[in-house]
């Protein structure tokens, strides 16, 4: 009798352990299934969401105006994805590569300002369509003076050239999740030698478009 009772006890313990192990395996299986579903869903969204690219073309000279440095540019925004991009818009910033804030950090801070509060602004860009925007960007006198002051710490001269940079982002949403996306850009503006110099400064005056070069910055702008 005692042996039978002990046997029944151990059989019960064994069944309990088997049930616990089975439950753990079921939970793990469910967890893996949820992960697989989430990965599949994310892959589906990524494959079917809009993807906006941006190209930039210079369309005018670099001019020193009373309130700052201006540059006419053209943005070519194309939807490379499979669904329409909604509320698409562009936010450019024309500034100096040197100054009080490091360029990549400044780009991140600038684009973060467009991650909310877009409202209903912007346009709809369908797959394979291209949206073209002409814009005259402005670098304020304050921005260029910050760059000059930065250089004056190292060079004891008043005439200091600046290194213009055109940065910013294209922002948009989609049908699937109404999430916010960005395509960033960051380019250096350089001058070819003319009149014995390639400097960009108010002392050397305006720079004709034929002498300007648009070069992608060595650190790519971030994209969401």
N, C-alpha and C. Protein backbone atom coordinates (compact mmCIF):
# COMPACT_ATOMS: atom_id res chain seq x y z
N UNK A 1 0.82 -1.21 0.00
CA UNK A 1 0.00 0.00 0.00
C UNK A 1 0.85 1.27 0.00
N UNK A 2 1.86 1.27 0.89
CA UNK A 2 2.74 2.44 0.96
C UNK A 2 3.46 2.65 -0.36
N UNK A 3 3.92 1.54 -0.97
CA UNK A 3 4.62 1.65 -2.26
C UNK A 3 3.70 2.21 -3.33
N UNK A 4 2.46 1.76 -3.34
CA UNK A 4 1.48 2.22 -4.33
C UNK A 4 1.20 3.70 -4.15
N UNK A 5 1.06 4.13 -2.91
CA UNK A 5 0.80 5.55 -2.64
C UNK A 5 1.98 6.41 -3.09
N UNK A 6 3.20 5.93 -2.80
CA UNK A 6 4.39 6.69 -3.22
C UNK A 6 4.49 6.76 -4.73
N UNK A 7 4.14 5.62 -5.37
CA UNK A 7 4.18 5.58 -6.83
C UNK A 7 3.19 6.57 -7.43
N UNK A 8 2.00 6.59 -6.84
CA UNK A 8 0.97 7.54 -7.32
C UNK A 8 1.44 8.97 -7.14
N UNK A 9 2.12 9.24 -5.99
CA UNK A 9 2.64 10.58 -5.72
C UNK A 9 3.65 11.01 -6.77
N UNK A 10 4.60 10.11 -7.06
CA UNK A 10 5.63 10.47 -8.04
C UNK A 10 5.06 10.59 -9.45
N UNK A 11 4.07 9.76 -9.74
CA UNK A 11 3.41 9.90 -11.05
C UNK A 11 2.74 11.27 -11.16
N UNK A 12 2.09 11.68 -10.05
CA UNK A 12 1.44 12.99 -10.03
C UNK A 12 2.43 14.12 -10.21
N UNK A 13 3.59 13.99 -9.49
CA UNK A 13 4.65 15.01 -9.62
C UNK A 13 5.16 15.06 -11.06
N UNK A 14 5.36 13.87 -11.63
CA UNK A 14 5.84 13.82 -13.01
C UNK A 14 4.86 14.47 -13.98
N UNK A 15 3.57 14.21 -13.78
CA UNK A 15 2.56 14.82 -14.64
C UNK A 15 2.54 16.34 -14.47
N UNK A 16 2.71 16.80 -13.22
CA UNK A 16 2.74 18.24 -12.97
C UNK A 16 3.92 18.89 -13.68
N UNK A 17 5.10 18.26 -13.54
CA UNK A 17 6.29 18.80 -14.22
C UNK A 17 6.10 18.80 -15.72
N UNK A 18 5.51 17.72 -16.24
CA UNK A 18 5.27 17.66 -17.69
C UNK A 18 4.32 18.77 -18.13
N UNK A 19 3.32 19.05 -17.29
CA UNK A 19 2.37 20.12 -17.63
C UNK A 19 3.05 21.49 -17.62
N UNK A 20 3.93 21.68 -16.60
CA UNK A 20 4.65 22.96 -16.51
C UNK A 20 5.56 23.15 -17.72
N UNK A 21 6.29 22.09 -18.07
CA UNK A 21 7.18 22.17 -19.24
C UNK A 21 6.38 22.43 -20.51
N UNK A 22 5.24 21.73 -20.65
CA UNK A 22 4.40 21.93 -21.82
C UNK A 22 3.89 23.37 -21.89
N UNK A 23 3.52 23.92 -20.72
CA UNK A 23 3.02 25.30 -20.68
C UNK A 23 4.11 26.28 -21.08
N UNK A 24 5.35 26.02 -20.59
CA UNK A 24 6.48 26.89 -20.95
C UNK A 24 6.73 26.83 -22.45
N UNK A 25 6.68 25.63 -23.01
CA UNK A 25 6.91 25.49 -24.45
C UNK A 25 5.82 26.19 -25.25
N UNK A 26 4.57 26.10 -24.76
CA UNK A 26 3.47 26.78 -25.45
C UNK A 26 3.66 28.29 -25.41
N UNK A 27 4.06 28.82 -24.21
CA UNK A 27 4.29 30.26 -24.09
C UNK A 27 5.41 30.73 -25.01
N UNK A 28 6.50 29.94 -25.06
CA UNK A 28 7.60 30.29 -25.95
C UNK A 28 7.16 30.27 -27.40
N UNK A 29 6.35 29.27 -27.73
CA UNK A 29 5.86 29.18 -29.10
C UNK A 29 4.99 30.37 -29.45
N UNK A 30 4.13 30.78 -28.50
CA UNK A 30 3.28 31.94 -28.74
C UNK A 30 4.11 33.21 -28.88
N UNK A 31 5.17 33.32 -28.03
CA UNK A 31 6.05 34.48 -28.12
C UNK A 31 6.74 34.54 -29.47
N UNK A 32 7.27 33.40 -29.92
CA UNK A 32 7.92 33.36 -31.23
C UNK A 32 6.93 33.66 -32.34
N UNK A 33 5.69 33.19 -32.17
CA UNK A 33 4.66 33.43 -33.18
C UNK A 33 4.35 34.92 -33.26
N UNK A 34 4.23 35.58 -32.08
CA UNK A 34 3.97 37.01 -32.07
C UNK A 34 5.12 37.77 -32.70
N UNK A 35 6.37 37.37 -32.40
CA UNK A 35 7.52 38.02 -33.00
C UNK A 35 7.52 37.84 -34.51
N UNK A 36 7.16 36.62 -34.95
CA UNK A 36 7.13 36.35 -36.39
C UNK A 36 6.05 37.20 -37.07
N UNK A 37 4.89 37.31 -36.40
CA UNK A 37 3.81 38.13 -36.96
C UNK A 37 4.22 39.60 -37.02
N UNK A 38 4.88 40.08 -35.94
CA UNK A 38 5.33 41.47 -35.90
C UNK A 38 6.37 41.74 -36.99
N UNK A 39 7.31 40.80 -37.14
CA UNK A 39 8.32 40.96 -38.19
C UNK A 39 7.68 40.96 -39.57
N UNK A 40 6.72 40.08 -39.78
CA UNK A 40 6.03 40.02 -41.07
C UNK A 40 5.25 41.30 -41.33
N UNK A 41 4.59 41.80 -40.27
CA UNK A 41 3.83 43.04 -40.42
C UNK A 41 4.75 44.21 -40.73
N UNK A 42 5.87 44.30 -40.01
CA UNK A 42 6.82 45.39 -40.26
C UNK A 42 7.40 45.29 -41.68
N UNK A 43 7.69 44.06 -42.10
CA UNK A 43 8.22 43.88 -43.46
C UNK A 43 7.18 44.29 -44.50
N UNK A 44 5.90 43.95 -44.22
CA UNK A 44 4.83 44.33 -45.15
C UNK A 44 4.70 45.84 -45.23
N UNK A 45 4.73 46.49 -44.05
CA UNK A 45 4.62 47.96 -44.02
C UNK A 45 5.80 48.60 -44.74
N UNK A 46 7.03 48.10 -44.46
CA UNK A 46 8.21 48.67 -45.10
C UNK A 46 8.18 48.47 -46.61
N UNK A 47 7.64 47.33 -47.05
CA UNK A 47 7.59 47.04 -48.48
C UNK A 47 6.52 47.85 -49.19
N UNK A 48 5.51 48.27 -48.44
CA UNK A 48 4.37 48.95 -49.07
C UNK A 48 4.21 50.41 -48.66
N UNK A 49 5.10 50.92 -47.84
CA UNK A 49 5.02 52.32 -47.43
C UNK A 49 5.61 53.22 -48.52
N UNK A 50 5.33 54.52 -48.48
CA UNK A 50 6.01 55.44 -49.40
C UNK A 50 7.46 55.66 -48.97
N UNK A 51 8.31 55.91 -49.94
CA UNK A 51 9.71 56.24 -49.68
C UNK A 51 10.07 57.46 -50.55
N UNK A 52 10.32 58.58 -49.91
CA UNK A 52 10.62 59.80 -50.66
C UNK A 52 12.13 60.03 -50.73
N UNK A 53 12.62 60.28 -51.94
CA UNK A 53 14.01 60.67 -52.14
C UNK A 53 14.03 62.16 -52.49
N UNK A 54 15.17 62.79 -52.29
CA UNK A 54 15.28 64.21 -52.61
C UNK A 54 16.61 64.47 -53.30
N UNK A 55 16.56 65.19 -54.42
CA UNK A 55 17.75 65.66 -55.12
C UNK A 55 17.69 67.19 -55.17
N UNK A 56 18.87 67.81 -55.19
CA UNK A 56 18.95 69.27 -55.13
C UNK A 56 19.78 69.78 -56.29
N UNK A 57 19.31 70.88 -56.88
CA UNK A 57 20.00 71.50 -58.01
C UNK A 57 20.09 73.00 -57.75
N UNK A 58 21.25 73.57 -58.01
CA UNK A 58 21.43 75.02 -57.88
C UNK A 58 20.87 75.69 -59.13
N UNK A 59 20.08 76.75 -58.95
CA UNK A 59 19.45 77.42 -60.10
C UNK A 59 19.74 78.92 -60.14
N UNK A 60 20.67 79.38 -59.32
CA UNK A 60 20.99 80.80 -59.31
C UNK A 60 22.26 81.08 -58.55
N UNK A 61 22.72 82.33 -58.58
CA UNK A 61 23.97 82.70 -57.91
C UNK A 61 23.81 82.83 -56.40
N UNK A 62 24.94 82.76 -55.74
CA UNK A 62 25.00 83.03 -54.30
C UNK A 62 25.14 84.54 -54.13
N UNK A 63 24.19 85.16 -53.46
CA UNK A 63 24.18 86.63 -53.37
C UNK A 63 24.22 87.10 -51.92
N UNK A 64 24.98 88.15 -51.71
CA UNK A 64 25.01 88.81 -50.41
C UNK A 64 23.97 89.92 -50.42
N UNK A 65 22.89 89.72 -49.66
CA UNK A 65 21.83 90.71 -49.55
C UNK A 65 21.95 91.44 -48.23
N UNK A 66 21.07 92.41 -48.03
CA UNK A 66 21.13 93.22 -46.81
C UNK A 66 20.88 92.37 -45.55
N UNK A 67 19.98 91.38 -45.67
CA UNK A 67 19.64 90.59 -44.49
C UNK A 67 20.33 89.23 -44.45
N UNK A 68 21.24 88.98 -45.40
CA UNK A 68 21.98 87.73 -45.34
C UNK A 68 22.40 87.21 -46.71
N UNK A 69 22.79 85.95 -46.75
CA UNK A 69 23.27 85.31 -47.96
C UNK A 69 22.14 84.45 -48.54
N UNK A 70 21.82 84.66 -49.82
CA UNK A 70 20.73 83.92 -50.44
C UNK A 70 21.25 83.00 -51.55
N UNK A 71 20.49 81.90 -51.77
CA UNK A 71 20.86 80.93 -52.79
C UNK A 71 19.59 80.29 -53.35
N UNK A 72 19.30 80.43 -54.65
CA UNK A 72 18.13 79.77 -55.25
C UNK A 72 18.44 78.30 -55.54
N UNK A 73 17.58 77.41 -55.09
CA UNK A 73 17.76 75.98 -55.29
C UNK A 73 16.46 75.34 -55.77
N UNK A 74 16.59 74.18 -56.36
CA UNK A 74 15.41 73.41 -56.81
C UNK A 74 15.47 72.03 -56.18
N UNK A 75 14.37 71.62 -55.55
CA UNK A 75 14.26 70.31 -54.91
C UNK A 75 13.42 69.38 -55.78
N UNK A 76 13.95 68.20 -56.06
CA UNK A 76 13.22 67.17 -56.79
C UNK A 76 12.88 66.06 -55.79
N UNK A 77 11.60 65.94 -55.45
CA UNK A 77 11.16 64.97 -54.45
C UNK A 77 10.38 63.87 -55.18
N UNK A 78 10.88 62.64 -55.12
CA UNK A 78 10.26 61.52 -55.84
C UNK A 78 9.83 60.44 -54.86
N UNK A 79 8.66 59.86 -55.13
CA UNK A 79 8.15 58.75 -54.32
C UNK A 79 8.60 57.44 -54.94
N UNK A 80 9.53 56.77 -54.28
CA UNK A 80 10.07 55.48 -54.75
C UNK A 80 9.31 54.29 -54.16
N UNK A 81 8.31 54.56 -53.33
CA UNK A 81 7.57 53.49 -52.68
C UNK A 81 6.37 53.02 -53.49
N UNK A 82 5.49 52.26 -52.83
CA UNK A 82 4.33 51.66 -53.51
C UNK A 82 3.00 52.29 -53.13
N UNK A 83 3.01 53.21 -52.18
CA UNK A 83 1.78 53.87 -51.76
C UNK A 83 2.01 55.38 -51.71
N UNK A 84 0.93 56.16 -51.74
CA UNK A 84 1.10 57.63 -51.75
C UNK A 84 1.74 58.15 -50.47
N UNK A 85 2.54 59.17 -50.62
CA UNK A 85 3.07 59.92 -49.47
C UNK A 85 2.12 61.07 -49.19
N UNK A 86 1.66 61.17 -47.96
CA UNK A 86 0.67 62.18 -47.60
C UNK A 86 1.32 63.33 -46.84
N UNK A 87 0.74 64.51 -47.00
CA UNK A 87 1.19 65.72 -46.29
C UNK A 87 2.70 65.92 -46.43
N UNK A 88 3.20 65.70 -47.63
CA UNK A 88 4.65 65.83 -47.87
C UNK A 88 5.05 67.30 -47.96
N UNK A 89 6.17 67.62 -47.37
CA UNK A 89 6.70 68.97 -47.42
C UNK A 89 8.19 68.95 -47.24
N UNK A 90 8.82 70.10 -47.38
CA UNK A 90 10.28 70.18 -47.25
C UNK A 90 10.64 71.32 -46.31
N UNK A 91 11.66 71.09 -45.50
CA UNK A 91 12.13 72.08 -44.54
C UNK A 91 13.64 72.26 -44.73
N UNK A 92 14.09 73.30 -45.45
CA UNK A 92 15.52 73.53 -45.65
C UNK A 92 16.10 74.51 -44.61
N UNK A 93 17.38 74.35 -44.35
CA UNK A 93 18.10 75.27 -43.47
C UNK A 93 19.43 75.60 -44.14
N UNK A 94 19.67 76.87 -44.40
CA UNK A 94 20.92 77.34 -45.03
C UNK A 94 21.75 77.97 -43.91
N UNK A 95 22.90 77.37 -43.61
CA UNK A 95 23.69 77.82 -42.48
C UNK A 95 25.18 77.60 -42.76
N UNK A 96 26.00 77.80 -41.75
CA UNK A 96 27.45 77.62 -41.88
C UNK A 96 27.89 76.29 -41.30
N UNK A 97 28.95 75.72 -41.89
CA UNK A 97 29.49 74.47 -41.37
C UNK A 97 30.21 74.69 -40.05
N UNK A 98 30.66 75.88 -39.80
CA UNK A 98 31.37 76.19 -38.56
C UNK A 98 30.60 77.26 -37.81
N UNK A 99 30.63 77.19 -36.50
CA UNK A 99 29.90 78.15 -35.69
C UNK A 99 29.71 77.62 -34.29
N UNK A 100 28.59 77.96 -33.68
CA UNK A 100 28.37 77.58 -32.29
C UNK A 100 27.87 76.14 -32.15
N UNK A 101 27.31 75.56 -33.20
CA UNK A 101 26.75 74.21 -33.12
C UNK A 101 27.33 73.32 -34.21
N UNK A 102 27.73 72.11 -33.85
CA UNK A 102 28.27 71.15 -34.82
C UNK A 102 27.19 70.80 -35.84
N UNK A 103 27.52 70.75 -37.16
CA UNK A 103 26.51 70.63 -38.22
C UNK A 103 25.57 69.43 -38.07
N UNK A 104 26.11 68.24 -37.79
CA UNK A 104 25.24 67.06 -37.69
C UNK A 104 24.26 67.20 -36.53
N UNK A 105 24.72 67.74 -35.42
CA UNK A 105 23.84 67.97 -34.28
C UNK A 105 22.79 69.02 -34.63
N UNK A 106 23.21 70.05 -35.35
CA UNK A 106 22.26 71.10 -35.73
C UNK A 106 21.19 70.54 -36.67
N UNK A 107 21.61 69.66 -37.58
CA UNK A 107 20.66 69.04 -38.50
C UNK A 107 19.63 68.23 -37.72
N UNK A 108 20.08 67.43 -36.75
CA UNK A 108 19.17 66.61 -35.96
C UNK A 108 18.18 67.48 -35.18
N UNK A 109 18.68 68.54 -34.57
CA UNK A 109 17.81 69.42 -33.79
C UNK A 109 16.80 70.11 -34.69
N UNK A 110 17.23 70.52 -35.87
CA UNK A 110 16.33 71.21 -36.80
C UNK A 110 15.22 70.29 -37.26
N UNK A 111 15.57 69.06 -37.68
CA UNK A 111 14.57 68.13 -38.20
C UNK A 111 13.64 67.63 -37.10
N UNK A 112 14.13 67.54 -35.86
CA UNK A 112 13.28 67.12 -34.76
C UNK A 112 12.11 68.09 -34.56
N UNK A 113 12.31 69.34 -34.96
CA UNK A 113 11.25 70.33 -34.83
C UNK A 113 10.08 70.08 -35.75
N UNK A 114 10.24 69.17 -36.73
CA UNK A 114 9.17 68.86 -37.67
C UNK A 114 8.60 67.46 -37.45
N UNK A 115 8.83 66.90 -36.28
CA UNK A 115 8.33 65.56 -35.98
C UNK A 115 6.94 65.60 -35.35
N UNK A 116 6.38 66.78 -35.18
CA UNK A 116 5.03 66.88 -34.63
C UNK A 116 4.42 68.20 -35.08
N UNK A 117 3.12 68.28 -34.95
CA UNK A 117 2.44 69.53 -35.26
C UNK A 117 2.41 69.89 -36.73
N UNK A 118 2.44 68.87 -37.61
CA UNK A 118 2.40 69.16 -39.04
C UNK A 118 1.01 69.61 -39.49
N UNK A 119 -0.02 69.18 -38.78
CA UNK A 119 -1.37 69.54 -39.18
C UNK A 119 -1.72 68.93 -40.53
N UNK A 120 -2.42 69.70 -41.36
CA UNK A 120 -2.84 69.21 -42.68
C UNK A 120 -2.03 69.84 -43.80
N UNK A 121 -0.86 70.37 -43.49
CA UNK A 121 -0.05 71.00 -44.53
C UNK A 121 0.59 69.93 -45.41
N UNK A 122 1.11 70.36 -46.54
CA UNK A 122 1.84 69.45 -47.42
C UNK A 122 1.00 68.99 -48.60
N UNK A 123 1.62 68.17 -49.43
CA UNK A 123 0.98 67.69 -50.64
C UNK A 123 1.02 66.17 -50.68
N UNK A 124 0.25 65.57 -51.58
CA UNK A 124 0.25 64.12 -51.77
C UNK A 124 1.10 63.79 -52.99
N UNK A 125 2.04 62.87 -52.82
CA UNK A 125 2.91 62.44 -53.92
C UNK A 125 2.66 60.95 -54.15
N UNK A 126 2.16 60.62 -55.33
CA UNK A 126 1.84 59.24 -55.64
C UNK A 126 3.10 58.48 -56.08
N UNK A 127 3.06 57.14 -56.01
CA UNK A 127 4.23 56.34 -56.42
C UNK A 127 4.70 56.71 -57.82
N UNK A 128 6.02 56.83 -57.97
CA UNK A 128 6.71 57.17 -59.22
C UNK A 128 6.53 58.63 -59.63
N UNK A 129 5.74 59.40 -58.88
CA UNK A 129 5.59 60.82 -59.20
C UNK A 129 6.72 61.63 -58.59
N UNK A 130 6.97 62.79 -59.19
CA UNK A 130 8.02 63.69 -58.71
C UNK A 130 7.41 65.06 -58.45
N UNK A 131 7.74 65.61 -57.32
CA UNK A 131 7.26 66.93 -56.90
C UNK A 131 8.45 67.88 -56.90
N UNK A 132 8.35 68.98 -57.61
CA UNK A 132 9.47 69.91 -57.78
C UNK A 132 9.15 71.22 -57.06
N UNK A 133 10.09 71.67 -56.25
CA UNK A 133 9.91 72.90 -55.48
C UNK A 133 11.11 73.81 -55.69
N UNK A 134 10.87 75.06 -56.07
CA UNK A 134 11.93 76.08 -56.14
C UNK A 134 11.89 76.91 -54.87
N UNK A 135 13.09 77.16 -54.32
CA UNK A 135 13.16 77.84 -53.02
C UNK A 135 14.42 78.69 -52.99
N UNK A 136 14.31 79.92 -52.54
CA UNK A 136 15.49 80.75 -52.30
C UNK A 136 15.78 80.72 -50.80
N UNK A 137 16.83 79.98 -50.44
CA UNK A 137 17.17 79.82 -49.03
C UNK A 137 17.98 81.01 -48.55
N UNK A 138 17.90 81.30 -47.28
CA UNK A 138 18.56 82.47 -46.70
C UNK A 138 19.41 82.06 -45.50
N UNK A 139 20.67 82.47 -45.51
CA UNK A 139 21.53 82.36 -44.33
C UNK A 139 21.59 83.74 -43.70
N UNK A 140 21.18 83.85 -42.46
CA UNK A 140 21.13 85.16 -41.82
C UNK A 140 22.52 85.72 -41.57
N UNK A 141 22.60 87.03 -41.44
CA UNK A 141 23.87 87.67 -41.10
C UNK A 141 24.38 87.19 -39.75
N UNK A 142 23.46 86.89 -38.84
CA UNK A 142 23.85 86.39 -37.53
C UNK A 142 24.57 85.06 -37.65
N UNK A 143 24.06 84.18 -38.52
CA UNK A 143 24.67 82.87 -38.68
C UNK A 143 26.07 82.98 -39.28
N UNK A 144 26.22 83.79 -40.32
CA UNK A 144 27.54 83.94 -40.94
C UNK A 144 28.52 84.64 -40.00
N UNK A 145 28.02 85.56 -39.18
CA UNK A 145 28.90 86.24 -38.23
C UNK A 145 29.38 85.29 -37.14
N UNK A 146 28.54 84.33 -36.73
CA UNK A 146 28.96 83.34 -35.76
C UNK A 146 30.11 82.51 -36.30
N UNK A 147 30.05 82.19 -37.60
CA UNK A 147 31.14 81.45 -38.22
C UNK A 147 32.41 82.28 -38.28
N UNK A 148 32.26 83.55 -38.64
CA UNK A 148 33.43 84.44 -38.69
C UNK A 148 34.06 84.57 -37.30
N UNK A 149 33.23 84.72 -36.29
CA UNK A 149 33.75 84.86 -34.92
C UNK A 149 34.48 83.59 -34.49
N UNK A 150 33.95 82.44 -34.91
CA UNK A 150 34.59 81.16 -34.59
C UNK A 150 36.00 81.11 -35.19
N UNK A 151 36.13 81.52 -36.46
CA UNK A 151 37.44 81.50 -37.11
C UNK A 151 38.39 82.54 -36.54
N UNK A 152 37.87 83.66 -36.08
CA UNK A 152 38.72 84.72 -35.55
C UNK A 152 39.48 84.27 -34.30
N UNK A 153 39.00 83.20 -33.67
CA UNK A 153 39.73 82.67 -32.51
C UNK A 153 41.07 82.08 -32.94
N UNK A 154 41.17 81.67 -34.21
CA UNK A 154 42.37 80.99 -34.69
C UNK A 154 43.18 81.83 -35.67
N UNK A 155 42.52 82.79 -36.34
CA UNK A 155 43.22 83.61 -37.33
C UNK A 155 42.99 85.08 -37.00
N UNK A 156 44.07 85.81 -36.87
CA UNK A 156 44.00 87.21 -36.46
C UNK A 156 43.80 88.12 -37.68
N UNK A 157 42.68 87.90 -38.40
CA UNK A 157 42.33 88.73 -39.55
C UNK A 157 40.83 88.98 -39.52
N UNK A 158 40.40 90.07 -40.15
CA UNK A 158 38.99 90.42 -40.18
C UNK A 158 38.25 89.74 -41.33
N UNK A 159 38.94 89.57 -42.46
CA UNK A 159 38.26 88.98 -43.61
C UNK A 159 38.35 87.46 -43.53
N UNK A 160 37.27 86.85 -43.12
CA UNK A 160 37.23 85.41 -42.95
C UNK A 160 36.15 84.83 -43.86
N UNK A 161 36.50 83.84 -44.64
CA UNK A 161 35.52 83.19 -45.49
C UNK A 161 34.65 82.25 -44.67
N UNK A 162 33.50 81.88 -45.22
CA UNK A 162 32.60 80.97 -44.54
C UNK A 162 32.41 79.71 -45.39
N UNK A 163 31.87 78.67 -44.76
CA UNK A 163 31.61 77.39 -45.45
C UNK A 163 30.11 77.11 -45.39
N UNK A 164 29.35 77.55 -46.40
CA UNK A 164 27.89 77.37 -46.37
C UNK A 164 27.49 75.90 -46.44
N UNK A 165 26.37 75.60 -45.82
CA UNK A 165 25.82 74.26 -45.83
C UNK A 165 24.31 74.33 -46.02
N UNK A 166 23.78 73.48 -46.88
CA UNK A 166 22.33 73.38 -47.07
C UNK A 166 21.88 72.04 -46.50
N UNK A 167 21.10 72.10 -45.43
CA UNK A 167 20.63 70.88 -44.77
C UNK A 167 19.13 70.96 -44.56
N UNK A 168 18.56 69.86 -44.10
CA UNK A 168 17.13 69.86 -43.83
C UNK A 168 16.53 68.48 -44.03
N UNK A 169 15.22 68.44 -44.30
CA UNK A 169 14.54 67.16 -44.44
C UNK A 169 13.27 67.32 -45.26
N UNK A 170 12.88 66.22 -45.90
CA UNK A 170 11.56 66.06 -46.48
C UNK A 170 10.74 65.26 -45.48
N UNK A 171 9.54 65.71 -45.15
CA UNK A 171 8.71 64.99 -44.17
C UNK A 171 7.39 64.58 -44.80
N UNK A 172 6.83 63.46 -44.33
CA UNK A 172 5.58 62.94 -44.91
C UNK A 172 5.00 61.86 -44.02
N UNK A 173 3.76 61.47 -44.30
CA UNK A 173 3.10 60.38 -43.59
C UNK A 173 2.57 59.38 -44.62
N UNK A 174 1.94 58.28 -44.11
CA UNK A 174 1.44 57.25 -45.02
C UNK A 174 0.05 56.79 -44.58
N UNK A 175 -0.60 56.00 -45.45
CA UNK A 175 -1.92 55.45 -45.14
C UNK A 175 -1.85 54.38 -44.06
N UNK A 176 -0.82 53.49 -44.12
CA UNK A 176 -0.84 52.28 -43.31
C UNK A 176 -0.99 52.54 -41.81
N UNK A 177 -0.10 53.38 -41.27
CA UNK A 177 -0.10 53.59 -39.83
C UNK A 177 -0.17 55.07 -39.47
N UNK A 178 -0.26 55.90 -40.49
CA UNK A 178 -0.25 57.35 -40.28
C UNK A 178 0.98 57.77 -39.48
N UNK A 179 2.09 57.06 -39.70
CA UNK A 179 3.33 57.39 -39.01
C UNK A 179 4.06 58.51 -39.75
N UNK A 180 5.00 59.11 -39.05
CA UNK A 180 5.76 60.23 -39.58
C UNK A 180 7.10 59.73 -40.10
N UNK A 181 7.46 60.17 -41.31
CA UNK A 181 8.74 59.77 -41.91
C UNK A 181 9.52 61.01 -42.33
N UNK A 182 10.84 60.86 -42.41
CA UNK A 182 11.71 61.94 -42.88
C UNK A 182 12.79 61.39 -43.80
N UNK A 183 13.16 62.18 -44.79
CA UNK A 183 14.36 61.93 -45.59
C UNK A 183 15.26 63.14 -45.43
N UNK A 184 16.39 62.95 -44.80
CA UNK A 184 17.29 64.06 -44.52
C UNK A 184 18.26 64.33 -45.65
N UNK A 185 18.80 65.53 -45.68
CA UNK A 185 19.84 65.88 -46.65
C UNK A 185 20.79 66.90 -46.02
N UNK A 186 22.05 66.87 -46.45
CA UNK A 186 23.06 67.79 -45.96
C UNK A 186 24.15 67.93 -47.01
N UNK A 187 24.32 69.15 -47.54
CA UNK A 187 25.27 69.40 -48.62
C UNK A 187 26.15 70.60 -48.29
N UNK A 188 27.41 70.50 -48.68
CA UNK A 188 28.32 71.64 -48.61
C UNK A 188 28.18 72.47 -49.89
N UNK A 189 28.27 73.78 -49.75
CA UNK A 189 28.27 74.69 -50.91
C UNK A 189 29.70 75.21 -51.06
N UNK A 190 30.33 74.90 -52.18
CA UNK A 190 31.72 75.31 -52.41
C UNK A 190 31.83 76.15 -53.68
N UNK A 191 32.90 76.92 -53.75
CA UNK A 191 33.14 77.78 -54.90
C UNK A 191 34.40 77.34 -55.64
N UNK A 192 34.32 77.34 -56.97
CA UNK A 192 35.52 77.11 -57.77
C UNK A 192 36.36 78.39 -57.77
N UNK A 193 37.66 78.25 -58.00
CA UNK A 193 38.51 79.45 -58.00
C UNK A 193 38.07 80.47 -59.05
N UNK A 194 38.01 81.71 -58.64
CA UNK A 194 37.69 82.81 -59.55
C UNK A 194 38.39 84.06 -59.02
N UNK A 195 38.94 84.82 -59.91
CA UNK A 195 39.69 86.03 -59.53
C UNK A 195 40.77 85.72 -58.49
N UNK A 196 41.37 84.54 -58.63
CA UNK A 196 42.48 84.17 -57.76
C UNK A 196 42.09 83.60 -56.42
N UNK A 197 40.79 83.36 -56.17
CA UNK A 197 40.39 82.82 -54.87
C UNK A 197 39.13 81.97 -55.02
N UNK A 198 38.98 81.01 -54.10
CA UNK A 198 37.77 80.20 -54.05
C UNK A 198 36.99 80.48 -52.77
N UNK A 199 37.37 81.54 -52.07
CA UNK A 199 36.71 81.87 -50.81
C UNK A 199 35.30 82.40 -51.05
N UNK A 200 34.45 82.14 -50.08
CA UNK A 200 33.11 82.70 -50.07
C UNK A 200 33.05 83.67 -48.89
N UNK A 201 33.01 84.93 -49.20
CA UNK A 201 32.94 85.96 -48.16
C UNK A 201 32.31 87.21 -48.75
N UNK A 202 31.78 88.04 -47.89
CA UNK A 202 31.16 89.27 -48.36
C UNK A 202 32.18 90.15 -49.09
N UNK A 203 33.44 90.06 -48.68
CA UNK A 203 34.49 90.88 -49.31
C UNK A 203 34.70 90.49 -50.78
N UNK A 204 34.46 89.21 -51.09
CA UNK A 204 34.65 88.76 -52.47
C UNK A 204 33.36 88.82 -53.29
N UNK A 205 32.27 89.25 -52.68
CA UNK A 205 31.03 89.48 -53.40
C UNK A 205 30.26 88.21 -53.75
N UNK A 206 29.30 88.39 -54.66
CA UNK A 206 28.45 87.29 -55.09
C UNK A 206 29.26 86.24 -55.85
N UNK A 207 28.72 85.01 -55.87
CA UNK A 207 29.36 83.92 -56.60
C UNK A 207 28.41 83.45 -57.69
N UNK A 208 28.78 83.58 -58.98
CA UNK A 208 27.90 83.12 -60.07
C UNK A 208 27.63 81.63 -59.96
N UNK A 209 26.48 81.21 -60.47
CA UNK A 209 26.08 79.81 -60.36
C UNK A 209 27.09 78.87 -61.01
N UNK A 210 27.71 79.29 -62.11
CA UNK A 210 28.67 78.44 -62.82
C UNK A 210 29.91 78.14 -61.99
N UNK A 211 30.15 78.94 -60.94
CA UNK A 211 31.32 78.72 -60.09
C UNK A 211 30.98 77.98 -58.79
N UNK A 212 29.72 77.60 -58.64
CA UNK A 212 29.30 76.93 -57.42
C UNK A 212 29.27 75.42 -57.57
N UNK A 213 29.58 74.72 -56.48
CA UNK A 213 29.53 73.25 -56.45
C UNK A 213 28.71 72.82 -55.25
N UNK A 214 27.86 71.82 -55.48
CA UNK A 214 27.03 71.25 -54.43
C UNK A 214 27.57 69.86 -54.12
N UNK A 215 28.10 69.65 -52.91
CA UNK A 215 28.71 68.37 -52.56
C UNK A 215 28.04 67.79 -51.32
N UNK A 216 27.69 66.49 -51.40
CA UNK A 216 27.09 65.84 -50.25
C UNK A 216 28.07 65.86 -49.07
N UNK A 217 27.55 66.20 -47.90
CA UNK A 217 28.39 66.26 -46.71
C UNK A 217 28.94 64.87 -46.38
N UNK A 218 30.15 64.82 -45.80
CA UNK A 218 30.82 63.53 -45.57
C UNK A 218 30.05 62.66 -44.59
N UNK A 219 29.19 63.26 -43.75
CA UNK A 219 28.34 62.47 -42.87
C UNK A 219 26.91 62.57 -43.40
N UNK A 220 26.34 61.43 -43.84
CA UNK A 220 25.00 61.46 -44.39
C UNK A 220 23.98 61.92 -43.35
N UNK A 221 23.02 62.68 -43.84
CA UNK A 221 21.93 63.10 -42.96
C UNK A 221 21.05 61.91 -42.62
N UNK A 222 20.45 61.93 -41.46
CA UNK A 222 19.65 60.79 -41.02
C UNK A 222 18.31 60.75 -41.74
N UNK A 223 17.79 59.55 -41.86
CA UNK A 223 16.51 59.32 -42.52
C UNK A 223 15.66 58.41 -41.66
N UNK A 224 14.37 58.72 -41.54
CA UNK A 224 13.45 57.93 -40.73
C UNK A 224 12.45 57.24 -41.64
